[in-house]
């Protein structure tokens, strides 16, 4: 009997763990977008440190060793845009859930200096 209870407890723990695991793997799309922008920023900074210049396109950083899995779209599968203001300042922009520019998009604009 105790062996049955022990196995039953393990089975329930495993099944419960699977349900719990699947419930935490959903990342909100806005959080996913911010994470992808941060990853792209790190890739641009790495490219600049190695090459001494900004990449011409975002695809240039995805061709670097170890950076092949950088996702260049936001959480709604819309593109993340890359603009060079000068030779050290970059702006990454993407539109929010409706795909249009508006107040909600402010959290999806990141401007940074690669030297800082």
C-alpha atoms as a PDB file:
ATOM      1  CA  UNK A   1       0.000   0.000   0.000  1.00  0.00           C
ATOM      2  CA  UNK A   2       2.727   2.495   0.932  1.00  0.00           C
ATOM      3  CA  UNK A   3       4.543   1.722  -2.318  1.00  0.00           C
ATOM      4  CA  UNK A   4       1.358   2.555  -4.232  1.00  0.00           C
ATOM      5  CA  UNK A   5       0.972   5.860  -2.338  1.00  0.00           C
ATOM      6  CA  UNK A   6       4.620   6.693  -3.029  1.00  0.00           C
ATOM      7  CA  UNK A   7       4.283   6.008  -6.785  1.00  0.00           C
ATOM      8  CA  UNK A   8       0.952   7.837  -6.921  1.00  0.00           C
ATOM      9  CA  UNK A   9       2.540  10.876  -5.209  1.00  0.00           C
ATOM     10  CA  UNK A  10       5.407  10.899  -7.697  1.00  0.00           C
ATOM     11  CA  UNK A  11       2.981  10.615 -10.629  1.00  0.00           C
ATOM     12  CA  UNK A  12       0.804  13.466  -9.365  1.00  0.00           C
ATOM     13  CA  UNK A  13       3.888  15.608  -8.716  1.00  0.00           C
ATOM     14  CA  UNK A  14       5.115  14.958 -12.243  1.00  0.00           C
ATOM     15  CA  UNK A  15       1.758  15.712 -13.861  1.00  0.00           C
ATOM     16  CA  UNK A  16       1.289  18.801 -11.705  1.00  0.00           C
ATOM     17  CA  UNK A  17       4.803  19.895 -12.586  1.00  0.00           C
ATOM     18  CA  UNK A  18       4.025  19.596 -16.287  1.00  0.00           C
ATOM     19  CA  UNK A  19       0.932  21.762 -15.929  1.00  0.00           C
ATOM     20  CA  UNK A  20       2.833  24.266 -13.819  1.00  0.00           C
ATOM     21  CA  UNK A  21       5.728  24.299 -16.289  1.00  0.00           C
ATOM     22  CA  UNK A  22       3.448  24.964 -19.249  1.00  0.00           C
ATOM     23  CA  UNK A  23       1.748  27.824 -17.446  1.00  0.00           C
ATOM     24  CA  UNK A  24       5.010  29.706 -16.835  1.00  0.00           C
ATOM     25  CA  UNK A  25       6.436  29.329 -20.330  1.00  0.00           C
ATOM     26  CA  UNK A  26       4.059  31.906 -21.797  1.00  0.00           C
ATOM     27  CA  UNK A  27       5.860  35.198 -21.888  1.00  0.00           C
ATOM     28  CA  UNK A  28       3.718  38.307 -22.470  1.00  0.00           C
ATOM     29  CA  UNK A  29       4.394  39.718 -25.916  1.00  0.00           C
ATOM     30  CA  UNK A  30       5.442  43.124 -24.621  1.00  0.00           C
ATOM     31  CA  UNK A  31       7.945  41.495 -22.250  1.00  0.00           C
ATOM     32  CA  UNK A  32       9.204  39.306 -25.093  1.00  0.00           C
ATOM     33  CA  UNK A  33       9.621  42.414 -27.269  1.00  0.00           C
ATOM     34  CA  UNK A  34      11.636  44.249 -24.600  1.00  0.00           C
ATOM     35  CA  UNK A  35      13.826  41.173 -24.135  1.00  0.00           C
ATOM     36  CA  UNK A  36      14.472  40.886 -27.865  1.00  0.00           C
ATOM     37  CA  UNK A  37      15.377  44.573 -28.082  1.00  0.00           C
ATOM     38  CA  UNK A  38      17.834  44.097 -25.190  1.00  0.00           C
ATOM     39  CA  UNK A  39      19.365  41.087 -26.934  1.00  0.00           C
ATOM     40  CA  UNK A  40      19.753  43.059 -30.159  1.00  0.00           C
ATOM     41  CA  UNK A  41      21.336  45.942 -28.224  1.00  0.00           C
ATOM     42  CA  UNK A  42      23.899  43.549 -26.719  1.00  0.00           C
ATOM     43  CA  UNK A  43      24.584  42.165 -30.193  1.00  0.00           C
ATOM     44  CA  UNK A  44      25.175  45.667 -31.583  1.00  0.00           C
ATOM     45  CA  UNK A  45      27.482  46.508 -28.681  1.00  0.00           C
ATOM     46  CA  UNK A  46      29.438  43.268 -29.243  1.00  0.00           C
ATOM     47  CA  UNK A  47      29.682  43.949 -32.980  1.00  0.00           C
ATOM     48  CA  UNK A  48      30.936  47.478 -32.291  1.00  0.00           C
ATOM     49  CA  UNK A  49      33.514  46.217 -29.777  1.00  0.00           C
ATOM     50  CA  UNK A  50      34.821  43.625 -32.257  1.00  0.00           C
ATOM     51  CA  UNK A  51      34.580  45.577 -35.521  1.00  0.00           C
ATOM     52  CA  UNK A  52      35.092  49.172 -34.353  1.00  0.00           C
ATOM     53  CA  UNK A  53      31.987  50.317 -36.232  1.00  0.00           C
ATOM     54  CA  UNK A  54      28.232  49.883 -36.150  1.00  0.00           C
ATOM     55  CA  UNK A  55      26.694  47.116 -38.234  1.00  0.00           C
ATOM     56  CA  UNK A  56      25.070  48.210 -41.500  1.00  0.00           C
ATOM     57  CA  UNK A  57      21.975  46.104 -40.799  1.00  0.00           C
ATOM     58  CA  UNK A  58      20.631  43.951 -37.981  1.00  0.00           C
ATOM     59  CA  UNK A  59      21.319  40.926 -40.151  1.00  0.00           C
ATOM     60  CA  UNK A  60      25.045  41.702 -39.748  1.00  0.00           C
ATOM     61  CA  UNK A  61      24.871  40.909 -36.022  1.00  0.00           C
ATOM     62  CA  UNK A  62      22.917  37.711 -36.616  1.00  0.00           C
ATOM     63  CA  UNK A  63      25.834  36.496 -38.786  1.00  0.00           C
ATOM     64  CA  UNK A  64      28.336  36.832 -35.921  1.00  0.00           C
ATOM     65  CA  UNK A  65      29.483  33.617 -34.191  1.00  0.00           C
ATOM     66  CA  UNK A  66      27.186  32.852 -31.282  1.00  0.00           C
ATOM     67  CA  UNK A  67      24.555  35.369 -32.391  1.00  0.00           C
ATOM     68  CA  UNK A  68      22.776  33.297 -35.063  1.00  0.00           C
ATOM     69  CA  UNK A  69      19.667  32.885 -32.931  1.00  0.00           C
ATOM     70  CA  UNK A  70      18.927  36.581 -32.413  1.00  0.00           C
ATOM     71  CA  UNK A  71      15.272  37.171 -33.262  1.00  0.00           C
ATOM     72  CA  UNK A  72      14.768  40.366 -35.262  1.00  0.00           C
ATOM     73  CA  UNK A  73      10.976  40.573 -34.789  1.00  0.00           C
ATOM     74  CA  UNK A  74       8.948  41.712 -31.802  1.00  0.00           C
ATOM     75  CA  UNK A  75       6.520  39.580 -29.796  1.00  0.00           C
ATOM     76  CA  UNK A  76       3.776  40.200 -32.390  1.00  0.00           C
ATOM     77  CA  UNK A  77       6.103  39.064 -35.214  1.00  0.00           C
ATOM     78  CA  UNK A  78       6.573  42.599 -36.536  1.00  0.00           C
ATOM     79  CA  UNK A  79      10.046  43.856 -37.492  1.00  0.00           C
ATOM     80  CA  UNK A  80      12.383  45.674 -35.148  1.00  0.00           C
ATOM     81  CA  UNK A  81      13.821  48.680 -36.980  1.00  0.00           C
ATOM     82  CA  UNK A  82      17.446  49.785 -36.687  1.00  0.00           C
ATOM     83  CA  UNK A  83      18.515  53.386 -37.261  1.00  0.00           C
ATOM     84  CA  UNK A  84      21.975  54.880 -36.877  1.00  0.00           C
ATOM     85  CA  UNK A  85      21.781  58.516 -35.728  1.00  0.00           C
ATOM     86  CA  UNK A  86      25.546  58.858 -36.107  1.00  0.00           C
ATOM     87  CA  UNK A  87      28.561  56.557 -35.831  1.00  0.00           C
ATOM     88  CA  UNK A  88      27.872  55.736 -32.147  1.00  0.00           C
ATOM     89  CA  UNK A  89      24.185  56.330 -31.416  1.00  0.00           C
ATOM     90  CA  UNK A  90      21.570  53.748 -32.364  1.00  0.00           C
ATOM     91  CA  UNK A  91      17.779  53.722 -32.179  1.00  0.00           C
ATOM     92  CA  UNK A  92      15.811  50.459 -32.109  1.00  0.00           C
ATOM     93  CA  UNK A  93      12.070  50.834 -32.730  1.00  0.00           C
ATOM     94  CA  UNK A  94       9.142  48.507 -33.195  1.00  0.00           C
ATOM     95  CA  UNK A  95       5.393  48.948 -33.252  1.00  0.00           C
ATOM     96  CA  UNK A  96       3.107  47.484 -30.628  1.00  0.00           C
ATOM     97  CA  UNK A  97       0.221  45.041 -30.881  1.00  0.00           C
ATOM     98  CA  UNK A  98      -1.781  47.072 -33.405  1.00  0.00           C
ATOM     99  CA  UNK A  99       1.200  47.499 -35.756  1.00  0.00           C
ATOM    100  CA  UNK A 100       0.862  51.268 -35.743  1.00  0.00           C
ATOM    101  CA  UNK A 101       2.718  54.137 -34.157  1.00  0.00           C
ATOM    102  CA  UNK A 102       1.009  55.476 -31.073  1.00  0.00           C
ATOM    103  CA  UNK A 103       1.315  56.028 -27.321  1.00  0.00           C
ATOM    104  CA  UNK A 104       1.768  52.325 -26.566  1.00  0.00           C
ATOM    105  CA  UNK A 105       4.867  52.153 -28.784  1.00  0.00           C
ATOM    106  CA  UNK A 106       6.906  54.385 -26.459  1.00  0.00           C
ATOM    107  CA  UNK A 107       8.050  51.366 -24.458  1.00  0.00           C
ATOM    108  CA  UNK A 108       9.416  49.873 -27.680  1.00  0.00           C
ATOM    109  CA  UNK A 109      11.879  52.625 -28.544  1.00  0.00           C
ATOM    110  CA  UNK A 110      15.425  52.265 -27.319  1.00  0.00           C
ATOM    111  CA  UNK A 111      18.147  54.787 -28.070  1.00  0.00           C
ATOM    112  CA  UNK A 112      21.671  54.133 -26.863  1.00  0.00           C
ATOM    113  CA  UNK A 113      25.289  55.098 -27.328  1.00  0.00           C
ATOM    114  CA  UNK A 114      27.560  52.103 -27.979  1.00  0.00           C
ATOM    115  CA  UNK A 115      30.397  53.760 -26.058  1.00  0.00           C
ATOM    116  CA  UNK A 116      28.430  53.938 -22.812  1.00  0.00           C
END
